[in-house]
Amino acid sequence: MYGLLSILQEKGNTLREPYSKHLDDGIIELRCKVGNNIIRVLYFFYYEGKIILTNGFVKKTQKTPPEEIRLAKERRTDYIERMG
């Protein structure tokens, strides 16, 4: 996973599938396979290209669970409010 974070840092918003996929309203997932597990970390871009990781989970279904996307959006809203 750490290697993928380095690639994300280097490529920024130009990173695409199979490593990264836009989900909804600026929420993007970083895609990683660790052993038999499929790991997803949701993130968004903030001011001056900052990458903010919101939540991660082990993917067990074909589609990203809507509650994970909702959680990422809530955390993004909270982060932006706190950063003012």
N, C-alpha and C. Protein backbone atom coordinates (compact mmCIF):
# COMPACT_ATOMS: atom_id res chain seq x y z
N MET A 1 0.82 -1.19 0.00
CA MET A 1 0.00 0.00 0.00
C MET A 1 0.86 1.25 0.00
N TYR A 2 1.96 1.22 0.76
CA TYR A 2 2.83 2.38 0.84
C TYR A 2 3.36 2.77 -0.53
N GLY A 3 3.69 1.77 -1.35
CA GLY A 3 4.18 2.05 -2.70
C GLY A 3 3.14 2.77 -3.54
N LEU A 4 1.88 2.38 -3.39
CA LEU A 4 0.81 3.05 -4.13
C LEU A 4 0.63 4.49 -3.67
N LEU A 5 0.80 4.74 -2.38
CA LEU A 5 0.71 6.11 -1.88
C LEU A 5 1.82 6.97 -2.47
N SER A 6 2.98 6.39 -2.65
CA SER A 6 4.09 7.12 -3.28
C SER A 6 3.77 7.44 -4.74
N ILE A 7 3.18 6.48 -5.44
CA ILE A 7 2.78 6.71 -6.83
C ILE A 7 1.72 7.81 -6.89
N LEU A 8 0.76 7.77 -5.97
CA LEU A 8 -0.28 8.79 -5.92
C LEU A 8 0.34 10.16 -5.66
N GLN A 9 1.28 10.23 -4.75
CA GLN A 9 1.94 11.50 -4.46
C GLN A 9 2.67 12.03 -5.69
N GLU A 10 3.32 11.14 -6.42
CA GLU A 10 4.07 11.54 -7.60
C GLU A 10 3.16 11.95 -8.76
N LYS A 11 2.13 11.16 -9.02
CA LYS A 11 1.26 11.39 -10.18
C LYS A 11 0.12 12.37 -9.91
N GLY A 12 -0.29 12.48 -8.64
CA GLY A 12 -1.37 13.39 -8.29
C GLY A 12 -2.65 13.07 -9.03
N ASN A 13 -3.31 14.10 -9.54
CA ASN A 13 -4.61 13.88 -10.18
C ASN A 13 -4.52 13.30 -11.58
N THR A 14 -3.32 12.92 -12.03
CA THR A 14 -3.20 12.24 -13.32
C THR A 14 -3.20 10.71 -13.16
N LEU A 15 -3.19 10.23 -11.91
CA LEU A 15 -3.21 8.78 -11.67
C LEU A 15 -4.57 8.21 -12.06
N ARG A 16 -4.58 7.16 -12.85
CA ARG A 16 -5.82 6.56 -13.36
C ARG A 16 -5.83 5.06 -13.09
N GLU A 17 -6.86 4.40 -13.60
CA GLU A 17 -6.99 2.95 -13.47
C GLU A 17 -5.76 2.28 -14.07
N PRO A 18 -5.32 1.20 -13.49
CA PRO A 18 -5.96 0.37 -12.48
C PRO A 18 -5.68 0.82 -11.04
N TYR A 19 -4.89 1.87 -10.85
CA TYR A 19 -4.50 2.29 -9.51
C TYR A 19 -5.55 3.16 -8.82
N SER A 20 -6.24 3.96 -9.58
CA SER A 20 -7.13 4.95 -9.01
C SER A 20 -8.38 5.08 -9.86
N LYS A 21 -9.53 5.35 -9.21
CA LYS A 21 -10.78 5.50 -9.95
C LYS A 21 -11.66 6.54 -9.28
N HIS A 22 -12.16 7.50 -10.08
CA HIS A 22 -13.08 8.50 -9.56
C HIS A 22 -14.41 7.83 -9.26
N LEU A 23 -14.97 8.10 -8.08
CA LEU A 23 -16.23 7.48 -7.69
C LEU A 23 -17.40 8.44 -7.82
N ASP A 24 -17.32 9.57 -7.08
CA ASP A 24 -18.46 10.47 -7.06
C ASP A 24 -18.06 11.80 -6.44
N ASP A 25 -18.41 12.90 -7.09
CA ASP A 25 -18.27 14.23 -6.51
C ASP A 25 -16.88 14.49 -5.92
N GLY A 26 -15.84 14.16 -6.68
CA GLY A 26 -14.48 14.43 -6.24
C GLY A 26 -13.89 13.41 -5.28
N ILE A 27 -14.65 12.37 -4.96
CA ILE A 27 -14.13 11.29 -4.10
C ILE A 27 -13.54 10.23 -5.04
N ILE A 28 -12.31 9.84 -4.74
CA ILE A 28 -11.55 8.93 -5.58
C ILE A 28 -11.10 7.76 -4.73
N GLU A 29 -10.99 6.57 -5.34
CA GLU A 29 -10.48 5.43 -4.58
C GLU A 29 -9.12 5.03 -5.10
N LEU A 30 -8.24 4.71 -4.17
CA LEU A 30 -6.94 4.13 -4.46
C LEU A 30 -7.11 2.64 -4.32
N ARG A 31 -6.70 1.88 -5.34
CA ARG A 31 -6.99 0.45 -5.40
C ARG A 31 -5.71 -0.36 -5.18
N CYS A 32 -5.79 -1.31 -4.28
CA CYS A 32 -4.62 -2.11 -3.94
C CYS A 32 -5.04 -3.53 -3.60
N LYS A 33 -4.23 -4.48 -4.00
CA LYS A 33 -4.47 -5.88 -3.62
C LYS A 33 -3.32 -6.31 -2.72
N VAL A 34 -3.69 -6.80 -1.54
CA VAL A 34 -2.70 -7.28 -0.56
C VAL A 34 -3.06 -8.72 -0.24
N GLY A 35 -2.26 -9.64 -0.74
CA GLY A 35 -2.58 -11.05 -0.57
C GLY A 35 -3.89 -11.35 -1.28
N ASN A 36 -4.84 -11.93 -0.56
CA ASN A 36 -6.16 -12.22 -1.13
C ASN A 36 -7.15 -11.09 -0.91
N ASN A 37 -6.73 -10.04 -0.22
CA ASN A 37 -7.63 -8.93 0.09
C ASN A 37 -7.52 -7.81 -0.94
N ILE A 38 -8.65 -7.22 -1.25
CA ILE A 38 -8.69 -6.04 -2.11
C ILE A 38 -8.93 -4.86 -1.17
N ILE A 39 -7.95 -3.95 -1.11
CA ILE A 39 -8.00 -2.82 -0.21
C ILE A 39 -8.34 -1.57 -1.01
N ARG A 40 -9.20 -0.72 -0.45
CA ARG A 40 -9.54 0.56 -1.05
C ARG A 40 -9.33 1.65 -0.02
N VAL A 41 -8.72 2.74 -0.44
CA VAL A 41 -8.59 3.94 0.38
C VAL A 41 -9.22 5.08 -0.40
N LEU A 42 -10.19 5.76 0.21
CA LEU A 42 -10.85 6.87 -0.46
C LEU A 42 -10.13 8.17 -0.10
N TYR A 43 -10.11 9.09 -1.05
CA TYR A 43 -9.40 10.35 -0.85
C TYR A 43 -9.99 11.44 -1.73
N PHE A 44 -9.53 12.66 -1.48
CA PHE A 44 -9.89 13.79 -2.33
C PHE A 44 -8.69 14.74 -2.39
N PHE A 45 -8.71 15.62 -3.36
CA PHE A 45 -7.66 16.62 -3.50
C PHE A 45 -8.12 17.91 -2.85
N TYR A 46 -7.19 18.56 -2.15
CA TYR A 46 -7.47 19.82 -1.49
C TYR A 46 -6.54 20.88 -2.05
N TYR A 47 -6.63 22.05 -1.54
CA TYR A 47 -5.87 23.21 -1.97
C TYR A 47 -4.39 22.88 -2.23
N GLU A 48 -3.87 23.41 -3.33
CA GLU A 48 -2.47 23.22 -3.74
C GLU A 48 -2.07 21.76 -3.90
N GLY A 49 -2.99 20.92 -4.36
CA GLY A 49 -2.68 19.54 -4.66
C GLY A 49 -2.53 18.62 -3.47
N LYS A 50 -2.91 19.07 -2.29
CA LYS A 50 -2.84 18.20 -1.12
C LYS A 50 -3.81 17.04 -1.30
N ILE A 51 -3.37 15.87 -0.91
CA ILE A 51 -4.18 14.65 -1.01
C ILE A 51 -4.62 14.28 0.40
N ILE A 52 -5.94 14.25 0.60
CA ILE A 52 -6.48 13.95 1.92
C ILE A 52 -7.14 12.58 1.89
N LEU A 53 -6.58 11.63 2.65
CA LEU A 53 -7.14 10.29 2.76
C LEU A 53 -8.26 10.33 3.79
N THR A 54 -9.42 9.79 3.44
CA THR A 54 -10.57 9.88 4.34
C THR A 54 -10.87 8.58 5.06
N ASN A 55 -10.84 7.46 4.37
CA ASN A 55 -11.17 6.18 4.98
C ASN A 55 -10.70 5.04 4.08
N GLY A 56 -10.49 3.90 4.70
CA GLY A 56 -10.07 2.72 3.97
C GLY A 56 -10.88 1.52 4.41
N PHE A 57 -10.94 0.53 3.55
CA PHE A 57 -11.71 -0.66 3.87
C PHE A 57 -11.27 -1.81 2.99
N VAL A 58 -11.59 -3.03 3.42
CA VAL A 58 -11.37 -4.22 2.61
C VAL A 58 -12.62 -4.41 1.78
N LYS A 59 -12.43 -4.44 0.48
CA LYS A 59 -13.57 -4.54 -0.43
C LYS A 59 -14.04 -5.99 -0.52
N LYS A 60 -15.33 -6.21 -0.28
CA LYS A 60 -15.88 -7.56 -0.28
C LYS A 60 -16.96 -7.74 -1.34
N THR A 61 -17.38 -6.63 -1.97
CA THR A 61 -18.42 -6.71 -3.00
C THR A 61 -17.88 -6.11 -4.28
N GLN A 62 -18.59 -6.34 -5.37
CA GLN A 62 -18.16 -5.83 -6.67
C GLN A 62 -18.15 -4.30 -6.70
N LYS A 63 -19.16 -3.70 -6.09
CA LYS A 63 -19.32 -2.26 -6.11
C LYS A 63 -18.87 -1.66 -4.78
N THR A 64 -18.29 -0.46 -4.84
CA THR A 64 -17.89 0.22 -3.60
C THR A 64 -19.14 0.52 -2.78
N PRO A 65 -19.15 0.11 -1.51
CA PRO A 65 -20.33 0.34 -0.68
C PRO A 65 -20.67 1.83 -0.58
N PRO A 66 -21.94 2.19 -0.80
CA PRO A 66 -22.35 3.60 -0.74
C PRO A 66 -22.05 4.26 0.61
N GLU A 67 -22.10 3.47 1.69
CA GLU A 67 -21.81 4.06 3.00
C GLU A 67 -20.36 4.50 3.13
N GLU A 68 -19.45 3.84 2.41
CA GLU A 68 -18.04 4.25 2.42
C GLU A 68 -17.87 5.58 1.68
N ILE A 69 -18.58 5.74 0.57
CA ILE A 69 -18.53 7.01 -0.19
C ILE A 69 -19.15 8.13 0.65
N ARG A 70 -20.27 7.84 1.30
CA ARG A 70 -20.93 8.82 2.16
C ARG A 70 -20.00 9.26 3.29
N LEU A 71 -19.31 8.30 3.90
CA LEU A 71 -18.37 8.60 4.97
C LEU A 71 -17.24 9.50 4.47
N ALA A 72 -16.73 9.21 3.30
CA ALA A 72 -15.66 10.02 2.71
C ALA A 72 -16.14 11.46 2.49
N LYS A 73 -17.36 11.61 2.00
CA LYS A 73 -17.92 12.96 1.77
C LYS A 73 -18.10 13.70 3.09
N GLU A 74 -18.59 13.00 4.11
CA GLU A 74 -18.76 13.64 5.43
C GLU A 74 -17.41 14.10 5.98
N ARG A 75 -16.41 13.26 5.84
CA ARG A 75 -15.08 13.62 6.36
C ARG A 75 -14.47 14.76 5.55
N ARG A 76 -14.74 14.78 4.25
CA ARG A 76 -14.24 15.90 3.43
C ARG A 76 -14.89 17.20 3.90
N THR A 77 -16.21 17.19 4.10
CA THR A 77 -16.91 18.38 4.57
C THR A 77 -16.35 18.84 5.90
N ASP A 78 -16.15 17.91 6.82
CA ASP A 78 -15.59 18.24 8.13
C ASP A 78 -14.20 18.84 7.99
N TYR A 79 -13.37 18.25 7.16
CA TYR A 79 -12.00 18.72 6.97
C TYR A 79 -12.00 20.16 6.43
N ILE A 80 -12.80 20.39 5.41
CA ILE A 80 -12.84 21.72 4.79
C ILE A 80 -13.35 22.76 5.78
N GLU A 81 -14.35 22.41 6.58
CA GLU A 81 -14.86 23.34 7.60
C GLU A 81 -13.78 23.66 8.63
N ARG A 82 -13.03 22.66 9.05
CA ARG A 82 -11.98 22.89 10.04
C ARG A 82 -10.82 23.70 9.49
N MET A 83 -10.54 23.54 8.20
CA MET A 83 -9.43 24.26 7.58
C MET A 83 -9.81 25.71 7.26
N GLY A 84 -11.11 25.97 7.25
CA GLY A 84 -11.64 27.32 7.11
C GLY A 84 -11.36 28.00 5.84
